[in-house]
Amino acid sequence: IDDLRKKKIPLEDLAFNVMVSKDLDEYVDTTPQHVKAARQLERSGKKVKRGDIISFVKTVSPDGVKPTTLARPEDIDVNKYIEYMRSTFEQLLDALGYEFDEIITSTRLEDFFWS
């Protein structure tokens, strides 16, 4: 998490990769994150079609996402990634008797085995 906060993680390692399952103009009721990123790609001149894989990162921009190819490390929304990790690991850690916040603030592996 420290590397995430210091923006040291390559954008490709933070990217979500999602396939566009229909033409972009068919997304009318809701706009999923990968479609927001796909529309940004189209505005930048890249053609996006059904079946394309969109690689995007979560950002502090108004859309909340940017295509990986258009994003910069300073665009990353660190808090969104921490919350994503929290929701991913919380149930597993709870079953092991640990708290997510306890894990991310610990600096030593021994803290989890010899307490």
Protein backbone atom coordinates (compact mmCIF):
# COMPACT_ATOMS: atom_id res chain seq x y z
CA ILE A 1 0.00 0.00 0.00
CA ASP A 2 2.95 2.28 0.64
CA ASP A 3 4.04 1.94 -3.00
CA LEU A 4 0.46 2.68 -4.07
CA ARG A 5 0.39 5.85 -2.00
CA LYS A 6 3.79 6.89 -3.39
CA LYS A 7 2.49 6.25 -6.94
CA LYS A 8 5.29 3.75 -7.58
CA ILE A 9 3.13 0.96 -9.01
CA PRO A 10 3.05 0.83 -12.83
CA LEU A 11 -0.34 1.75 -14.27
CA GLU A 12 -0.50 -1.58 -16.09
CA ASP A 13 -0.39 -3.34 -12.70
CA LEU A 14 -3.34 -1.27 -11.47
CA ALA A 15 -5.41 -1.68 -14.63
CA PHE A 16 -8.77 -3.37 -14.92
CA ASN A 17 -9.30 -5.08 -18.29
CA VAL A 18 -12.90 -5.44 -19.42
CA MET A 19 -14.36 -6.39 -22.80
CA VAL A 20 -16.85 -4.11 -24.52
CA SER A 21 -19.82 -6.42 -25.10
CA LYS A 22 -21.83 -4.14 -27.37
CA ASP A 23 -21.39 -0.99 -29.43
CA LEU A 24 -20.76 2.07 -27.28
CA ASP A 25 -23.93 3.84 -28.44
CA GLU A 26 -25.96 0.90 -27.10
CA TYR A 27 -24.99 1.78 -23.52
CA VAL A 28 -27.80 4.22 -22.72
CA ASP A 29 -29.33 3.44 -19.32
CA THR A 30 -26.09 3.13 -17.39
CA THR A 31 -22.47 3.77 -18.27
CA PRO A 32 -20.10 1.16 -16.84
CA GLN A 33 -16.56 2.25 -16.02
CA HIS A 34 -14.98 0.47 -18.98
CA VAL A 35 -17.42 2.24 -21.32
CA LYS A 36 -16.47 5.62 -19.84
CA ALA A 37 -12.84 4.77 -20.56
CA ALA A 38 -13.72 3.53 -24.06
CA ARG A 39 -15.49 6.80 -24.85
CA GLN A 40 -12.40 8.71 -23.71
CA LEU A 41 -10.33 6.59 -26.10
CA GLU A 42 -12.71 7.45 -28.93
CA ARG A 43 -12.47 11.16 -28.11
CA SER A 44 -8.68 10.82 -28.36
CA GLY A 45 -9.01 9.35 -31.86
CA LYS A 46 -8.94 5.59 -31.23
CA LYS A 47 -11.76 3.52 -32.72
CA VAL A 48 -13.43 1.21 -30.18
CA LYS A 49 -15.69 -1.64 -31.24
CA ARG A 50 -17.61 -4.51 -29.69
CA GLY A 51 -15.20 -7.18 -28.44
CA ASP A 52 -12.33 -4.79 -27.68
CA ILE A 53 -10.65 -5.13 -24.30
CA ILE A 54 -10.53 -1.79 -22.50
CA SER A 55 -7.71 -1.32 -20.01
CA PHE A 56 -8.47 1.40 -17.47
CA VAL A 57 -7.43 2.70 -14.07
CA LYS A 58 -9.47 4.34 -11.33
CA THR A 59 -8.71 8.06 -11.15
CA VAL A 60 -9.60 11.28 -9.39
CA SER A 61 -10.96 12.64 -12.70
CA PRO A 62 -14.67 13.54 -13.08
CA ASP A 63 -15.38 10.20 -14.83
CA GLY A 64 -13.55 8.32 -12.08
CA VAL A 65 -11.60 6.30 -14.66
CA LYS A 66 -9.12 6.80 -17.49
CA PRO A 67 -7.82 4.45 -20.14
CA THR A 68 -4.43 3.16 -19.05
CA THR A 69 -2.85 4.67 -22.17
CA LEU A 70 -4.13 8.16 -21.30
CA ALA A 71 -3.55 8.09 -17.53
CA ARG A 72 -0.58 9.32 -15.50
CA PRO A 73 0.51 8.08 -12.06
CA GLU A 74 -0.70 11.30 -10.44
CA ASP A 75 -4.23 10.62 -11.79
CA ILE A 76 -4.62 7.45 -9.68
CA ASP A 77 -7.27 7.52 -6.95
CA VAL A 78 -5.35 5.75 -4.20
CA ASN A 79 -8.38 5.59 -1.89
CA LYS A 80 -10.46 3.72 -4.49
CA TYR A 81 -7.73 1.10 -4.82
CA ILE A 82 -7.42 0.72 -1.06
CA GLU A 83 -11.20 0.25 -0.78
CA TYR A 84 -11.10 -2.29 -3.61
CA MET A 85 -8.41 -4.23 -1.73
CA ARG A 86 -10.39 -3.93 1.49
CA SER A 87 -13.53 -5.40 -0.07
CA THR A 88 -11.50 -8.15 -1.73
CA PHE A 89 -9.61 -9.30 1.37
CA GLU A 90 -11.87 -8.43 4.31
CA GLN A 91 -13.81 -11.71 4.48
CA LEU A 92 -10.69 -13.83 4.18
CA LEU A 93 -8.83 -11.83 6.82
CA ASP A 94 -11.83 -11.93 9.15
CA ALA A 95 -11.87 -15.72 8.93
CA LEU A 96 -8.19 -15.70 9.95
CA GLY A 97 -8.82 -13.31 12.82
CA TYR A 98 -7.20 -10.22 11.29
CA GLU A 99 -8.45 -6.77 10.39
CA PHE A 100 -7.61 -5.16 7.05
CA ASP A 101 -6.39 -1.97 8.75
CA GLU A 102 -4.16 -4.07 11.01
CA ILE A 103 -2.55 -5.68 7.97
CA ILE A 104 -1.88 -2.48 6.05
CA THR A 105 -0.34 -0.69 9.02
CA SER A 106 1.97 -3.52 10.05
CA THR A 107 5.57 -3.26 8.97
CA ARG A 108 6.77 -6.74 9.90
CA LEU A 109 5.69 -10.18 8.76
CA GLU A 110 6.38 -11.51 12.26
CA ASP A 111 3.47 -9.43 13.58
CA PHE A 112 1.11 -12.00 12.07
CA PHE A 113 2.74 -15.16 13.30
CA TRP A 114 4.29 -14.55 16.70
CA SER A 115 1.90 -12.31 18.54
